[in-house]
Amino acid sequence: MIITIEAKAPWWKFDLAEIWAYRHLVMLFATRSLATMYKQSVLGPVWFLVQPFLSAFVFYVVFGLLIRLSTGGMPHMLFYMSGMIFWHLFVNVFQQTSVSLAGNMHLYGKVYFPRLVMPLSYIVSGAVLFGLNLVALLCFYGYYRLQGVAIAFQPQVFLAPLLVLQTVLAGLGFGLCVAAATVRFRDLKYALPTIIQFWMFMTPIFYSSMRVSPAMRRYMWINPLYGPVEFFRFSISGINPIPPEAFLPGMLLTAVVLTTGLFWFNHAQRNFIDVV
């Protein structure tokens, strides 16, 4: 007996019940992604904690010691790491989601499951990595507190889960758009590294937005990562607060891109095997 699976539902309709039924597959793919990330390396899972430290250390040497960019009074390593953990979360979800269709052809051609399962698994694995990076950040935080540095947690730190959600949804939305676009426009994947690099320079990771003019800073509010990065730094240090209205442009852009990405991805995945 031959079973034929066709896209019967309209492209604008999501079968959430079907996605929920495959939730175990989300966890399976997430576990596989984490298990194979540093497979056969000497340090193995230790790289999960070492990587954010190395990235922050490079920023410290270049921008802290050589260029001497001000961090607004926050310790350099803590400043860089607090920005990098959010940036790594965004990039992990964004990059992996952007290749979730074209990069898994060998799997999609053999077995059926909701295509949105794969991007959701990247969110789970990215969240696990974020949690490990956060542990490393808290270790540095404790060290600086013992040294008597004038930093302190603010009540706003309890809003950190919302900052993580904003970052994850932004990565998912932009990733879904790129994944749907690369079905027909394969050249986009070659431009993606340049786009990500430019995006990193436009995000206040290795510099404080206080160094930017107020007029230019308002344009930075459009960046969905501006609010999470700067607000998180303030919530763990009490230094350089940002106004509440700085969140609105990034949140609106995230909502628009996520909605567009979901529908575009759902439309593209219906017949992408015949196109790619």
Protein backbone atom coordinates (compact mmCIF):
# COMPACT_ATOMS: atom_id res chain seq x y z
CA MET A 1 0.00 0.00 0.00
CA ILE A 2 1.31 3.46 -0.94
CA ILE A 3 0.50 6.42 1.29
CA THR A 4 0.69 9.82 -0.36
CA ILE A 5 1.18 12.85 1.87
CA GLU A 6 0.02 16.12 0.35
CA ALA A 7 -0.30 19.70 1.58
CA LYS A 8 -4.08 19.84 1.85
CA ALA A 9 -4.46 22.72 4.27
CA PRO A 10 -4.15 26.29 2.93
CA TRP A 11 -0.75 27.94 3.39
CA TRP A 12 -2.09 30.40 5.93
CA LYS A 13 -3.38 27.72 8.30
CA PHE A 14 -1.21 26.19 11.04
CA ASP A 15 -1.96 22.81 12.55
CA LEU A 16 -0.81 23.51 16.11
CA ALA A 17 -2.22 20.19 17.34
CA GLU A 18 0.03 18.31 14.90
CA ILE A 19 3.09 20.29 16.02
CA TRP A 20 2.25 19.52 19.66
CA ALA A 21 1.91 15.83 18.81
CA TYR A 22 5.52 15.90 17.54
CA ARG A 23 6.91 17.67 20.62
CA HIS A 24 9.03 14.62 21.44
CA LEU A 25 10.75 15.07 18.08
CA VAL A 26 11.60 18.66 18.99
CA MET A 27 13.44 17.44 22.06
CA LEU A 28 15.11 14.65 20.07
CA PHE A 29 16.50 17.04 17.46
CA ALA A 30 17.59 19.49 20.17
CA THR A 31 19.45 16.72 22.03
CA ARG A 32 21.10 15.58 18.81
CA SER A 33 22.21 19.12 18.01
CA LEU A 34 23.80 19.58 21.43
CA ALA A 35 25.41 16.12 21.42
CA THR A 36 27.08 16.59 18.03
CA MET A 37 28.14 20.22 18.45
CA TYR A 38 31.53 19.43 20.04
CA LYS A 39 31.67 15.72 19.33
CA GLN A 40 35.18 14.21 19.26
CA SER A 41 36.73 17.41 20.65
CA VAL A 42 39.17 17.23 23.56
CA LEU A 43 37.21 19.46 25.93
CA GLY A 44 33.80 18.27 24.74
CA PRO A 45 30.88 19.93 26.59
CA VAL A 46 33.32 22.22 28.43
CA TRP A 47 33.35 24.33 25.26
CA PHE A 48 29.82 25.41 26.14
CA LEU A 49 31.31 27.42 29.02
CA VAL A 50 34.67 28.28 27.43
CA GLN A 51 33.32 29.78 24.18
CA PRO A 52 31.58 32.87 25.67
CA PHE A 53 34.63 33.53 27.86
CA LEU A 54 36.97 33.44 24.86
CA SER A 55 34.73 35.76 22.84
CA ALA A 56 34.52 38.24 25.73
CA PHE A 57 38.28 38.02 26.28
CA VAL A 58 38.98 38.88 22.64
CA PHE A 59 36.69 41.91 22.94
CA TYR A 60 38.45 42.87 26.17
CA VAL A 61 41.89 42.79 24.56
CA VAL A 62 40.86 44.67 21.39
CA PHE A 63 38.28 47.15 22.63
CA GLY A 64 39.19 47.33 26.32
CA LEU A 65 43.01 47.35 26.29
CA LEU A 66 43.92 48.55 22.80
CA ILE A 67 41.10 50.88 21.73
CA ARG A 68 39.99 51.61 25.33
CA LEU A 69 36.28 51.98 24.66
CA SER A 70 34.36 53.01 27.75
CA THR A 71 31.80 50.60 29.22
CA GLY A 72 30.09 53.26 31.30
CA GLY A 73 31.59 52.03 34.57
CA MET A 74 30.82 48.32 34.18
CA PRO A 75 33.74 45.81 34.40
CA HIS A 76 34.91 45.02 30.89
CA MET A 77 34.60 41.22 30.99
CA LEU A 78 31.16 41.41 32.58
CA PHE A 79 30.10 44.03 30.04
CA TYR A 80 31.18 41.96 27.04
CA MET A 81 29.87 38.63 28.33
CA SER A 82 26.45 40.08 29.19
CA GLY A 83 26.13 41.19 25.57
CA MET A 84 27.63 38.07 24.01
CA ILE A 85 25.26 35.60 25.67
CA PHE A 86 22.27 37.33 24.08
CA TRP A 87 24.07 37.67 20.76
CA HIS A 88 25.03 33.98 20.72
CA LEU A 89 21.42 33.03 21.52
CA PHE A 90 20.11 35.13 18.64
CA VAL A 91 22.73 33.93 16.14
CA ASN A 92 22.28 30.26 17.06
CA VAL A 93 18.54 30.40 16.46
CA PHE A 94 18.82 32.67 13.42
CA GLN A 95 21.56 30.80 11.57
CA GLN A 96 20.25 27.30 12.18
CA THR A 97 16.66 28.26 11.34
CA SER A 98 17.76 29.97 8.12
CA VAL A 99 19.12 26.65 6.76
CA SER A 100 16.41 24.44 8.25
CA LEU A 101 14.77 23.77 4.87
CA ALA A 102 17.63 23.64 2.37
CA GLY A 103 20.02 22.06 4.88
CA ASN A 104 17.86 19.07 5.82
CA MET A 105 16.77 17.84 2.41
CA HIS A 106 18.15 14.36 3.09
CA LEU A 107 15.81 14.06 6.07
CA TYR A 108 12.70 15.71 4.65
CA GLY A 109 12.80 13.47 1.58
CA LYS A 110 12.63 10.28 3.67
CA VAL A 111 10.20 10.91 6.51
CA TYR A 112 7.31 13.24 7.18
CA PHE A 113 6.97 15.52 10.20
CA PRO A 114 5.89 19.16 10.56
CA ARG A 115 8.71 21.25 9.12
CA LEU A 116 8.37 23.78 11.93
CA VAL A 117 9.61 21.11 14.33
CA MET A 118 13.21 21.68 13.22
CA PRO A 119 13.30 25.46 13.93
CA LEU A 120 11.62 24.85 17.30
CA SER A 121 14.33 22.36 18.21
CA TYR A 122 16.94 25.07 17.54
CA ILE A 123 15.18 27.27 20.09
CA VAL A 124 15.45 24.51 22.71
CA SER A 125 19.15 23.88 22.05
CA GLY A 126 19.83 27.61 21.96
CA ALA A 127 18.08 28.07 25.30
CA VAL A 128 20.22 25.33 26.85
CA LEU A 129 23.39 27.02 25.61
CA PHE A 130 22.12 30.34 26.92
CA GLY A 131 21.59 28.80 30.36
CA LEU A 132 25.16 27.46 30.42
CA ASN A 133 26.54 30.82 29.27
CA LEU A 134 24.52 32.50 31.99
CA VAL A 135 26.21 30.28 34.58
CA ALA A 136 29.61 31.48 33.33
CA LEU A 137 28.41 35.08 33.49
CA LEU A 138 27.22 34.68 37.09
CA CYS A 139 30.62 33.30 38.07
CA PHE A 140 32.27 36.49 36.79
CA TYR A 141 29.57 38.54 38.48
CA GLY A 142 30.31 36.89 41.82
CA TYR A 143 34.04 37.50 41.35
CA TYR A 144 33.56 41.22 40.75
CA ARG A 145 31.22 41.55 43.72
CA LEU A 146 33.84 39.94 45.94
CA GLN A 147 36.33 42.48 44.61
CA GLY A 148 34.06 45.28 45.81
CA VAL A 149 32.98 46.56 42.38
CA ALA A 150 29.94 48.85 42.66
CA ILE A 151 27.40 46.73 40.79
CA ALA A 152 24.14 45.29 42.09
CA PHE A 153 21.13 43.40 40.81
CA GLN A 154 18.10 45.58 40.13
CA PRO A 155 14.44 44.50 40.57
CA GLN A 156 14.16 44.58 36.76
CA VAL A 157 16.31 41.44 36.60
CA PHE A 158 13.12 39.42 37.03
CA LEU A 159 12.13 40.58 33.54
CA ALA A 160 15.10 38.67 32.08
CA PRO A 161 12.88 35.80 30.76
CA LEU A 162 11.01 38.36 28.64
CA LEU A 163 14.33 39.59 27.24
CA VAL A 164 15.26 36.03 26.32
CA LEU A 165 11.85 35.55 24.69
CA GLN A 166 12.32 38.72 22.64
CA THR A 167 15.74 37.51 21.47
CA VAL A 168 14.51 34.02 20.59
CA LEU A 169 11.47 35.26 18.68
CA ALA A 170 13.61 37.72 16.72
CA GLY A 171 16.03 34.96 15.73
CA LEU A 172 13.16 32.64 14.81
CA GLY A 173 11.32 35.27 12.76
CA PHE A 174 14.31 36.40 10.71
CA GLY A 175 15.49 32.80 10.34
CA LEU A 176 12.14 31.65 8.98
CA CYS A 177 12.15 34.47 6.44
CA VAL A 178 15.64 33.56 5.23
CA ALA A 179 14.79 29.84 5.16
CA ALA A 180 11.75 30.49 2.99
CA ALA A 181 13.65 32.87 0.71
CA THR A 182 16.60 30.51 0.16
CA VAL A 183 14.27 27.90 -1.33
CA ARG A 184 14.33 29.95 -4.54
CA PHE A 185 17.13 32.44 -3.94
CA ARG A 186 20.11 30.30 -2.93
CA ASP A 187 22.50 33.24 -3.21
CA LEU A 188 21.13 34.59 0.07
CA LYS A 189 23.08 32.05 2.12
CA TYR A 190 26.36 33.53 0.85
CA ALA A 191 25.34 37.01 1.98
CA LEU A 192 24.19 35.79 5.39
CA PRO A 193 27.63 35.91 7.16
CA THR A 194 28.10 39.53 6.05
CA ILE A 195 24.62 40.46 7.24
CA ILE A 196 25.26 38.88 10.63
CA GLN A 197 28.61 40.62 10.99
CA PHE A 198 27.07 44.00 10.16
CA TRP A 199 24.23 43.30 12.59
CA MET A 200 26.73 42.60 15.38
CA PHE A 201 28.42 45.97 14.86
CA MET A 202 25.03 47.68 14.99
CA THR A 203 24.27 46.00 18.34
CA PRO A 204 25.90 47.50 21.47
CA ILE A 205 27.86 44.40 22.41
CA PHE A 206 31.42 45.71 22.65
CA TYR A 207 30.47 49.37 23.12
CA SER A 208 27.95 51.23 25.23
CA SER A 209 25.05 52.92 23.46
CA MET A 210 25.69 55.89 25.76
CA ARG A 211 28.59 56.74 23.43
CA VAL A 212 26.16 57.17 20.55
CA SER A 213 24.38 60.47 19.99
CA PRO A 214 20.75 60.58 21.23
CA ALA A 215 19.46 61.09 17.69
CA MET A 216 21.33 58.05 16.35
CA ARG A 217 20.39 56.02 19.43
CA ARG A 218 16.73 56.24 18.46
CA TYR A 219 17.53 54.48 15.20
CA MET A 220 19.27 51.76 17.20
CA TRP A 221 15.99 51.10 19.00
CA ILE A 222 14.74 49.42 15.81
CA ASN A 223 17.29 46.65 16.39
CA PRO A 224 15.39 43.87 18.23
CA LEU A 225 18.54 43.08 20.23
CA TYR A 226 19.15 46.60 21.50
CA GLY A 227 16.56 46.43 24.28
CA PRO A 228 17.46 42.96 25.62
CA VAL A 229 21.22 43.63 25.68
CA GLU A 230 21.14 47.09 27.24
CA PHE A 231 18.31 46.39 29.66
CA PHE A 232 19.93 43.17 30.89
CA ARG A 233 23.18 45.00 31.57
CA PHE A 234 21.31 47.60 33.60
CA SER A 235 19.35 44.95 35.50
CA ILE A 236 22.53 43.22 36.73
CA SER A 237 24.58 46.35 37.43
CA GLY A 238 22.37 49.41 37.86
CA ILE A 239 24.51 51.23 35.27
CA ASN A 240 23.25 52.99 32.11
CA PRO A 241 19.45 52.65 32.34
CA ILE A 242 17.42 52.82 29.13
CA PRO A 243 13.96 54.38 28.72
CA PRO A 244 10.95 52.02 28.44
CA GLU A 245 10.04 53.40 25.00
CA ALA A 246 13.32 52.01 23.64
CA PHE A 247 11.72 48.55 23.58
CA LEU A 248 8.72 49.37 21.41
CA PRO A 249 10.35 49.66 17.92
CA GLY A 250 12.24 46.39 18.33
CA MET A 251 9.18 44.58 19.68
CA LEU A 252 7.02 45.79 16.79
CA LEU A 253 9.64 44.76 14.23
CA THR A 254 9.96 41.34 15.87
CA ALA A 255 6.18 40.82 15.78
CA VAL A 256 5.96 41.81 12.10
CA VAL A 257 8.93 39.69 11.02
CA LEU A 258 7.82 36.68 13.07
CA THR A 259 4.31 36.78 11.61
CA THR A 260 5.68 37.20 8.08
CA GLY A 261 8.22 34.43 8.62
CA LEU A 262 5.67 31.93 9.91
CA PHE A 263 3.33 32.38 6.96
CA TRP A 264 6.16 32.58 4.41
CA PHE A 265 7.82 29.47 5.84
CA ASN A 266 4.49 27.59 5.88
CA HIS A 267 3.93 28.51 2.25
CA ALA A 268 7.46 27.59 1.13
CA GLN A 269 7.61 24.23 2.90
CA ARG A 270 4.58 22.89 1.00
CA ASN A 271 6.53 22.23 -2.21
CA PHE A 272 10.15 23.17 -1.49
CA ILE A 273 11.39 19.60 -2.23
CA ASP A 274 10.28 20.04 -5.86
CA VAL A 275 12.12 23.38 -6.10
CA VAL A 276 15.42 22.82 -4.26
